[in-house]
Amino acid sequence: EKSHQHSLFLRNLPFDATRHDLFTLFAQYGRIAGIFLVKDRSTGIGKGTASVRLSKEGGCMHALEASNGGTIDDKKNAFQSGKNLGSEAGHSGEGIFLGGRKIFVDLAVNKNT
């Protein structure tokens, strides 16, 4: 099943990031079902964003926790994006990094969410 609940939206990627880089980085959170890197059509250079689909929602939750971009509310099993948590979020030096850049991770959304 292709569920957006199993998908992550990544920002702040290095422009030269590859699918292999993302596979290596996110395989520790679960079985990867798909990776899509956003690239410029005319140059083929990455635009710094991507989506990663994991086969299970639990993998997404582990990656979100590791990214230090938000918290998971166990009662609601809902993720709060780091951009809504205040100025302390993301400043502890922890997170997911690629090429020296901190990767911002959020749950992917679709038109119904």
Protein backbone atom coordinates (compact mmCIF):
# COMPACT_ATOMS: atom_id res chain seq x y z
CA GLU A 1 0.00 0.00 0.00
CA LYS A 2 1.35 3.42 -0.96
CA SER A 3 0.46 5.47 2.08
CA HIS A 4 1.63 9.00 2.72
CA GLN A 5 1.79 7.97 6.40
CA HIS A 6 4.84 5.92 5.48
CA SER A 7 6.51 8.77 3.61
CA LEU A 8 8.92 11.44 4.73
CA PHE A 9 9.60 14.80 3.12
CA LEU A 10 13.25 15.86 3.35
CA ARG A 11 14.61 19.39 3.03
CA ASN A 12 18.06 21.00 3.11
CA LEU A 13 19.73 18.17 1.21
CA PRO A 14 23.06 18.83 -0.50
CA PHE A 15 22.40 19.48 -4.19
CA ASP A 16 24.68 16.57 -5.11
CA ALA A 17 22.89 14.05 -2.84
CA THR A 18 22.11 10.73 -4.52
CA ARG A 19 19.46 8.06 -4.01
CA HIS A 20 22.23 5.84 -2.65
CA ASP A 21 23.14 8.51 -0.07
CA LEU A 22 19.54 8.63 1.13
CA PHE A 23 19.19 4.85 1.10
CA THR A 24 22.30 4.51 3.25
CA LEU A 25 21.13 7.26 5.61
CA PHE A 26 17.54 6.04 6.11
CA ALA A 27 17.91 2.23 5.88
CA GLN A 28 18.58 2.14 9.62
CA TYR A 29 14.97 3.22 10.26
CA GLY A 30 13.30 0.46 8.26
CA ARG A 31 12.88 -1.13 4.85
CA ILE A 32 12.88 1.54 2.17
CA ALA A 33 10.06 1.21 -0.35
CA GLY A 34 11.03 4.18 -2.53
CA ILE A 35 13.15 7.31 -2.85
CA PHE A 36 12.38 10.32 -5.02
CA LEU A 37 14.93 13.12 -5.41
CA VAL A 38 13.62 16.41 -6.78
CA LYS A 39 15.89 17.59 -9.61
CA ASP A 40 15.91 20.47 -12.03
CA ARG A 41 14.65 19.22 -15.39
CA SER A 42 17.11 21.13 -17.53
CA THR A 43 20.30 20.64 -15.49
CA GLY A 44 19.61 17.42 -13.55
CA ILE A 45 20.96 19.07 -10.40
CA GLY A 46 19.13 18.34 -7.16
CA LYS A 47 16.90 21.01 -5.65
CA GLY A 48 17.62 20.05 -2.04
CA THR A 49 14.40 18.14 -1.40
CA ALA A 50 13.33 14.51 -1.60
CA SER A 51 10.80 12.03 -0.33
CA VAL A 52 11.57 8.67 1.22
CA ARG A 53 8.86 6.02 1.56
CA LEU A 54 9.35 3.35 4.21
CA SER A 55 7.40 0.12 4.23
CA LYS A 56 6.14 0.67 7.79
CA GLU A 57 4.91 3.75 9.62
CA GLY A 58 7.08 2.89 12.63
CA GLY A 59 10.18 3.54 10.54
CA CYS A 60 8.93 7.02 9.75
CA MET A 61 8.35 7.73 13.43
CA HIS A 62 11.89 6.57 14.31
CA ALA A 63 13.37 8.79 11.60
CA LEU A 64 11.33 11.76 12.80
CA GLU A 65 12.55 11.24 16.36
CA ALA A 66 16.15 10.89 15.18
CA SER A 67 15.92 14.06 13.12
CA ASN A 68 15.19 16.02 16.31
CA GLY A 69 12.71 17.99 14.24
CA GLY A 70 9.72 17.31 16.43
CA THR A 71 8.12 15.11 18.99
CA ILE A 72 5.68 12.26 18.85
CA ASP A 73 2.57 12.49 20.99
CA ASP A 74 2.00 8.89 22.12
CA LYS A 75 -1.64 9.54 22.99
CA LYS A 76 -2.51 10.74 19.50
CA ASN A 77 0.40 9.13 17.62
CA ALA A 78 0.69 12.52 15.92
CA PHE A 79 3.88 14.27 14.86
CA GLN A 80 4.43 17.94 15.56
CA SER A 81 6.70 19.56 13.03
CA GLY A 82 9.85 21.21 14.37
CA LYS A 83 8.78 24.53 12.88
CA ASN A 84 5.90 24.63 15.36
CA LEU A 85 7.84 23.77 18.52
CA GLY A 86 9.54 27.07 19.28
CA SER A 87 13.08 28.33 19.17
CA GLU A 88 14.65 25.41 21.11
CA ALA A 89 13.84 22.80 18.45
CA GLY A 90 16.77 21.54 16.43
CA HIS A 91 19.51 23.40 18.29
CA SER A 92 20.94 20.55 20.37
CA GLY A 93 23.42 19.40 17.70
CA GLU A 94 21.56 16.12 17.25
CA GLY A 95 19.79 15.11 14.11
CA ILE A 96 20.28 13.49 10.73
CA PHE A 97 23.12 14.92 8.67
CA LEU A 98 24.27 14.46 5.09
CA GLY A 99 27.31 16.18 3.63
CA GLY A 100 27.64 18.35 6.74
CA ARG A 101 24.06 19.62 6.43
CA LYS A 102 21.28 18.97 8.91
CA ILE A 103 18.38 17.33 7.09
CA PHE A 104 14.92 18.60 8.00
CA VAL A 105 12.45 15.72 8.10
CA ASP A 106 8.65 15.93 8.14
CA LEU A 107 5.85 13.54 7.35
CA ALA A 108 4.84 13.83 3.72
CA VAL A 109 1.34 15.11 3.09
CA ASN A 110 -1.14 14.66 0.30
CA LYS A 111 -4.05 16.79 -0.85
CA ASN A 112 -6.34 15.15 1.72
CA THR A 113 -4.24 16.03 4.79
